[in-house]
N, C-alpha and C. Protein backbone atom coordinates (compact mmCIF):
# COMPACT_ATOMS: atom_id res chain seq x y z
N MET A 1 21.83 -152.23 -68.82
CA MET A 1 22.97 -151.89 -69.75
C MET A 1 23.80 -151.58 -68.65
N VAL A 2 25.34 -151.95 -68.49
CA VAL A 2 26.14 -151.57 -67.64
C VAL A 2 27.21 -150.50 -68.40
N MET A 3 27.37 -149.39 -67.72
CA MET A 3 27.79 -147.90 -68.40
C MET A 3 29.69 -148.53 -68.59
N ARG A 4 29.83 -148.35 -69.73
CA ARG A 4 31.40 -148.75 -69.94
C ARG A 4 32.40 -147.54 -70.20
N SER A 5 33.42 -147.82 -69.59
CA SER A 5 34.44 -146.06 -69.62
C SER A 5 35.56 -146.86 -69.66
N ARG A 6 36.46 -147.21 -70.25
CA ARG A 6 37.78 -147.55 -70.58
C ARG A 6 38.55 -146.71 -69.28
N ARG A 7 38.58 -145.41 -69.48
CA ARG A 7 39.02 -144.83 -68.62
C ARG A 7 39.01 -145.03 -67.11
N LEU A 8 37.57 -144.95 -66.65
CA LEU A 8 37.16 -145.58 -65.09
C LEU A 8 37.61 -146.91 -64.77
N GLU A 9 37.35 -147.74 -65.99
CA GLU A 9 37.40 -149.12 -65.58
C GLU A 9 39.18 -149.30 -65.33
N ASP A 10 40.07 -148.69 -65.97
CA ASP A 10 41.38 -148.66 -65.91
C ASP A 10 41.64 -148.29 -64.59
N LEU A 11 41.33 -147.15 -64.08
CA LEU A 11 41.28 -146.81 -63.31
C LEU A 11 40.63 -147.47 -61.50
N PHE A 12 39.57 -148.14 -61.95
CA PHE A 12 39.09 -148.93 -60.92
C PHE A 12 39.84 -150.28 -61.06
N GLY A 13 40.57 -150.57 -61.85
CA GLY A 13 40.99 -151.90 -62.38
C GLY A 13 39.71 -152.77 -62.29
N ALA A 14 38.54 -152.91 -62.44
CA ALA A 14 37.61 -153.67 -62.78
C ALA A 14 36.61 -153.26 -63.77
N ARG A 15 35.68 -153.99 -64.49
CA ARG A 15 34.51 -153.45 -65.09
C ARG A 15 33.42 -152.58 -63.96
N LEU A 16 32.90 -151.40 -64.42
CA LEU A 16 31.92 -150.75 -63.63
C LEU A 16 31.01 -151.56 -62.83
N ASP A 17 30.58 -152.89 -63.31
CA ASP A 17 29.64 -153.73 -62.72
C ASP A 17 30.15 -154.20 -62.17
N ALA A 18 31.62 -154.55 -61.87
CA ALA A 18 31.90 -155.65 -60.57
C ALA A 18 33.37 -154.91 -59.66
N VAL A 19 32.91 -153.34 -59.59
CA VAL A 19 34.06 -152.94 -58.88
C VAL A 19 33.83 -153.26 -57.04
N SER A 20 35.20 -153.37 -56.59
CA SER A 20 34.91 -153.89 -54.99
C SER A 20 35.35 -153.16 -54.20
N TYR A 21 35.10 -153.08 -53.03
CA TYR A 21 35.44 -152.22 -52.08
C TYR A 21 37.10 -151.90 -51.87
N GLN A 22 37.44 -152.99 -52.08
CA GLN A 22 38.66 -152.96 -52.33
C GLN A 22 39.58 -152.18 -53.54
N ASP A 23 38.64 -152.17 -54.78
CA ASP A 23 39.11 -151.41 -55.75
C ASP A 23 38.88 -150.16 -55.53
N VAL A 24 37.80 -149.72 -54.82
CA VAL A 24 37.66 -148.18 -54.49
C VAL A 24 39.12 -147.76 -53.42
N GLU A 25 39.38 -148.56 -52.63
CA GLU A 25 40.43 -148.29 -51.75
C GLU A 25 41.39 -147.89 -52.46
N THR A 26 41.78 -148.21 -53.33
CA THR A 26 43.00 -148.36 -53.89
C THR A 26 42.97 -146.97 -54.71
N LEU A 27 41.88 -146.49 -54.94
CA LEU A 27 42.08 -145.25 -55.06
C LEU A 27 42.53 -143.90 -54.63
N VAL A 28 42.76 -144.15 -53.36
CA VAL A 28 43.01 -143.01 -52.42
C VAL A 28 44.60 -142.62 -52.61
N GLY A 29 44.79 -141.20 -52.61
CA GLY A 29 46.10 -140.51 -52.93
C GLY A 29 46.50 -140.67 -54.19
N ASN A 30 45.68 -141.36 -55.28
CA ASN A 30 45.73 -141.26 -56.76
C ASN A 30 45.57 -140.09 -56.98
N PRO A 31 46.41 -139.62 -57.63
CA PRO A 31 46.02 -137.76 -58.53
C PRO A 31 45.48 -138.17 -59.41
N GLU A 32 45.36 -139.56 -60.35
CA GLU A 32 44.99 -139.96 -61.71
C GLU A 32 43.18 -140.32 -61.42
N ALA A 33 42.81 -140.30 -59.94
CA ALA A 33 41.78 -140.33 -59.87
C ALA A 33 40.72 -139.40 -59.01
N ALA A 34 41.09 -138.04 -59.43
CA ALA A 34 40.93 -136.90 -59.03
C ALA A 34 39.48 -136.71 -59.97
N GLU A 35 38.64 -135.87 -58.91
CA GLU A 35 37.04 -135.79 -59.68
C GLU A 35 37.41 -134.96 -60.67
N ALA A 36 36.27 -135.58 -61.59
CA ALA A 36 36.12 -135.06 -63.27
C ALA A 36 34.84 -135.24 -63.59
N GLU A 37 34.71 -135.22 -65.26
CA GLU A 37 33.53 -134.68 -65.26
C GLU A 37 32.62 -136.12 -65.67
N ASP A 38 33.44 -137.27 -65.21
CA ASP A 38 32.57 -138.74 -65.19
C ASP A 38 33.10 -139.27 -64.19
N LEU A 39 33.32 -138.71 -62.94
CA LEU A 39 33.50 -139.12 -61.42
C LEU A 39 33.71 -138.14 -60.48
N ASP A 40 32.79 -138.83 -59.39
CA ASP A 40 32.56 -137.62 -58.39
C ASP A 40 32.59 -138.45 -57.08
N TYR A 41 32.98 -137.68 -55.91
CA TYR A 41 33.19 -138.31 -54.41
C TYR A 41 32.19 -137.56 -53.53
N LYS A 42 31.52 -138.53 -53.04
CA LYS A 42 30.93 -137.62 -52.15
C LYS A 42 30.88 -138.46 -50.45
N ARG A 43 31.53 -137.87 -49.61
CA ARG A 43 32.09 -138.42 -48.18
C ARG A 43 30.80 -138.93 -47.45
N ALA A 44 29.30 -138.55 -47.74
CA ALA A 44 28.31 -139.67 -46.79
C ALA A 44 26.99 -139.48 -47.94
N HIS A 45 26.17 -140.31 -47.26
CA HIS A 45 25.06 -140.29 -48.02
C HIS A 45 24.10 -139.30 -48.09
N TYR A 46 23.55 -139.13 -48.97
CA TYR A 46 22.89 -138.14 -48.96
C TYR A 46 21.24 -137.97 -48.18
N GLY A 47 20.75 -136.82 -47.89
CA GLY A 47 19.78 -136.79 -46.86
C GLY A 47 18.90 -137.47 -46.93
N SER A 48 17.87 -137.70 -46.33
CA SER A 48 16.63 -138.45 -47.40
C SER A 48 15.07 -137.04 -46.89
N ASP A 49 15.65 -136.23 -46.74
CA ASP A 49 14.52 -135.15 -46.70
C ASP A 49 14.53 -134.54 -48.14
N ASP A 50 13.80 -133.53 -48.40
CA ASP A 50 13.91 -132.93 -49.83
C ASP A 50 14.96 -132.54 -50.67
N LYS A 51 15.87 -131.86 -49.59
CA LYS A 51 16.81 -131.17 -50.08
C LYS A 51 17.98 -131.99 -50.53
N GLY A 52 17.86 -133.33 -49.62
CA GLY A 52 18.92 -134.52 -49.82
C GLY A 52 18.18 -134.98 -51.29
N LYS A 53 17.01 -135.39 -51.28
CA LYS A 53 16.94 -135.90 -52.63
C LYS A 53 17.14 -135.04 -53.88
N GLU A 54 16.87 -133.77 -53.71
CA GLU A 54 17.19 -132.53 -54.76
C GLU A 54 18.81 -132.81 -55.07
N GLU A 55 19.65 -133.06 -54.08
CA GLU A 55 20.87 -132.82 -54.27
C GLU A 55 21.27 -134.41 -54.95
N LEU A 56 21.00 -135.13 -54.93
CA LEU A 56 21.28 -136.39 -55.51
C LEU A 56 20.66 -136.49 -56.63
N ALA A 57 19.50 -136.14 -57.02
CA ALA A 57 19.36 -135.88 -58.59
C ALA A 57 19.92 -134.67 -59.26
N LYS A 58 20.31 -133.80 -58.95
CA LYS A 58 21.31 -133.12 -59.33
C LYS A 58 22.18 -133.60 -59.75
N ASP A 59 23.08 -134.15 -58.89
CA ASP A 59 24.06 -135.08 -59.02
C ASP A 59 23.97 -136.07 -60.63
N VAL A 60 23.24 -136.94 -59.92
CA VAL A 60 23.17 -138.10 -61.25
C VAL A 60 22.53 -137.46 -62.40
N ALA A 61 21.56 -136.23 -62.46
CA ALA A 61 21.39 -135.52 -63.93
C ALA A 61 22.83 -134.95 -64.54
N ALA A 62 23.63 -134.81 -63.25
CA ALA A 62 25.25 -134.08 -64.30
C ALA A 62 25.79 -134.90 -64.91
N LEU A 63 25.80 -136.20 -64.16
CA LEU A 63 26.48 -137.22 -64.89
C LEU A 63 25.97 -137.91 -65.88
N ALA A 64 24.73 -137.87 -66.19
CA ALA A 64 23.50 -138.54 -67.22
C ALA A 64 23.88 -137.61 -68.06
N ASN A 65 23.55 -136.34 -68.04
CA ASN A 65 23.73 -135.30 -69.28
C ASN A 65 24.81 -134.93 -69.69
N HIS A 66 26.18 -135.32 -69.45
CA HIS A 66 26.71 -135.22 -69.83
C HIS A 66 27.64 -136.59 -71.18
N ARG A 67 28.27 -137.34 -70.18
CA ARG A 67 28.93 -138.90 -70.98
C ARG A 67 28.53 -139.47 -70.04
N GLY A 68 27.85 -139.48 -68.44
CA GLY A 68 28.29 -140.70 -67.86
C GLY A 68 29.03 -140.43 -66.85
N GLY A 69 29.22 -141.73 -65.65
CA GLY A 69 30.10 -141.44 -64.84
C GLY A 69 29.48 -141.86 -63.69
N VAL A 70 30.83 -142.00 -62.40
CA VAL A 70 30.74 -142.67 -61.58
C VAL A 70 30.06 -142.08 -60.32
N LEU A 71 29.70 -142.35 -59.35
CA LEU A 71 29.32 -141.17 -58.19
C LEU A 71 30.01 -142.16 -57.42
N VAL A 72 30.82 -142.06 -56.18
CA VAL A 72 31.22 -142.89 -55.26
C VAL A 72 30.59 -142.22 -53.87
N ILE A 73 30.08 -142.90 -53.51
CA ILE A 73 29.35 -142.22 -52.04
C ILE A 73 30.36 -143.14 -50.96
N GLY A 74 31.02 -142.20 -49.87
CA GLY A 74 31.74 -142.83 -48.81
C GLY A 74 32.99 -142.64 -49.19
N MET A 75 33.43 -141.31 -49.78
CA MET A 75 34.94 -141.02 -50.59
C MET A 75 35.30 -139.60 -49.96
N ALA A 76 36.08 -139.41 -48.87
CA ALA A 76 36.29 -138.05 -48.78
C ALA A 76 37.54 -137.35 -50.02
N GLU A 77 37.39 -135.87 -50.06
CA GLU A 77 38.67 -136.00 -51.07
C GLU A 77 39.05 -134.49 -50.70
N THR A 78 40.13 -134.46 -51.01
CA THR A 78 40.96 -133.26 -50.92
C THR A 78 41.41 -132.95 -52.34
N LYS A 79 40.79 -131.28 -52.31
CA LYS A 79 41.29 -130.78 -53.97
C LYS A 79 40.84 -131.65 -54.91
N GLY A 80 39.68 -132.56 -54.64
CA GLY A 80 39.76 -133.49 -55.98
C GLY A 80 39.85 -135.07 -55.82
N VAL A 81 41.29 -134.95 -54.98
CA VAL A 81 41.88 -136.63 -55.08
C VAL A 81 41.34 -137.33 -53.87
N PRO A 82 41.17 -138.58 -54.21
CA PRO A 82 40.22 -139.26 -53.25
C PRO A 82 41.36 -139.48 -51.93
N SER A 83 40.90 -138.88 -50.68
CA SER A 83 41.61 -138.89 -49.58
C SER A 83 41.62 -140.28 -48.15
N ARG A 84 39.99 -140.58 -48.32
CA ARG A 84 39.80 -141.55 -47.20
C ARG A 84 38.51 -142.12 -47.66
N VAL A 85 38.35 -143.41 -47.20
CA VAL A 85 37.03 -144.08 -47.81
C VAL A 85 36.49 -144.47 -46.00
N PHE A 86 35.08 -143.99 -46.31
CA PHE A 86 34.51 -144.28 -45.08
C PHE A 86 33.31 -145.19 -45.59
N ASP A 87 32.88 -146.33 -44.88
CA ASP A 87 32.17 -147.39 -44.46
C ASP A 87 30.67 -146.47 -44.73
N VAL A 88 29.96 -146.87 -45.21
CA VAL A 88 28.15 -146.00 -45.70
C VAL A 88 27.34 -147.20 -45.68
N ASP A 89 26.18 -147.19 -44.77
CA ASP A 89 24.69 -147.80 -44.92
C ASP A 89 24.39 -147.40 -45.97
N LEU A 90 24.26 -148.13 -47.02
CA LEU A 90 23.38 -148.04 -48.26
C LEU A 90 21.82 -148.13 -47.80
N MET A 91 21.44 -148.81 -46.95
CA MET A 91 20.01 -148.81 -46.46
C MET A 91 19.61 -147.48 -45.87
N ASN A 92 19.11 -146.81 -46.83
CA ASN A 92 18.30 -145.63 -46.29
C ASN A 92 16.95 -145.55 -46.08
N SER A 93 16.68 -144.09 -45.98
CA SER A 93 15.43 -143.94 -45.41
C SER A 93 14.53 -143.72 -46.43
N PHE A 94 14.88 -144.13 -48.00
CA PHE A 94 14.03 -144.00 -49.02
C PHE A 94 13.54 -145.27 -48.70
N THR A 95 14.07 -146.42 -48.47
CA THR A 95 13.21 -147.99 -48.73
C THR A 95 12.46 -147.94 -47.83
N PRO A 96 12.04 -147.27 -46.68
CA PRO A 96 10.70 -147.84 -45.92
C PRO A 96 9.63 -146.87 -46.71
N THR A 97 9.88 -145.65 -47.30
CA THR A 97 8.88 -144.89 -48.56
C THR A 97 8.44 -145.92 -49.14
N ALA A 98 9.51 -146.66 -49.93
CA ALA A 98 9.02 -147.78 -51.12
C ALA A 98 8.32 -149.10 -50.70
N SER A 99 8.41 -148.93 -49.50
CA SER A 99 7.64 -150.47 -48.57
C SER A 99 6.38 -150.10 -48.44
N ARG A 100 6.36 -148.34 -48.15
CA ARG A 100 4.82 -148.60 -47.80
C ARG A 100 4.22 -148.05 -48.91
N ARG A 101 4.61 -147.83 -50.44
CA ARG A 101 3.88 -147.84 -51.38
C ARG A 101 3.44 -148.92 -51.92
N ARG A 102 4.20 -150.46 -51.55
CA ARG A 102 3.60 -151.73 -52.03
C ARG A 102 2.50 -151.94 -50.99
N ALA A 103 2.14 -151.79 -49.77
CA ALA A 103 1.46 -152.13 -48.74
C ALA A 103 0.13 -152.00 -49.45
């Protein structure tokens, strides 16, 4: 099931399951796109060490335990307002661990 949020879909200009890189770029400098209970920005990917995994779990749990939301990885923010998009390699070190478990 895809999360639906009229506010976030209006902000991104698309359904949340169809948001594109260009949709994310349009948030830069938009004060209405400031971090909120349902929207969080992280400039870089979480680390693959235990601390990084714990931080990711905390952020996801915080969104899930409230009303849901979107975590945008690869977005810098200034005072909560998105300020710059960064390319982020979503292929991370979690994948090899998963592959080893299947072997």
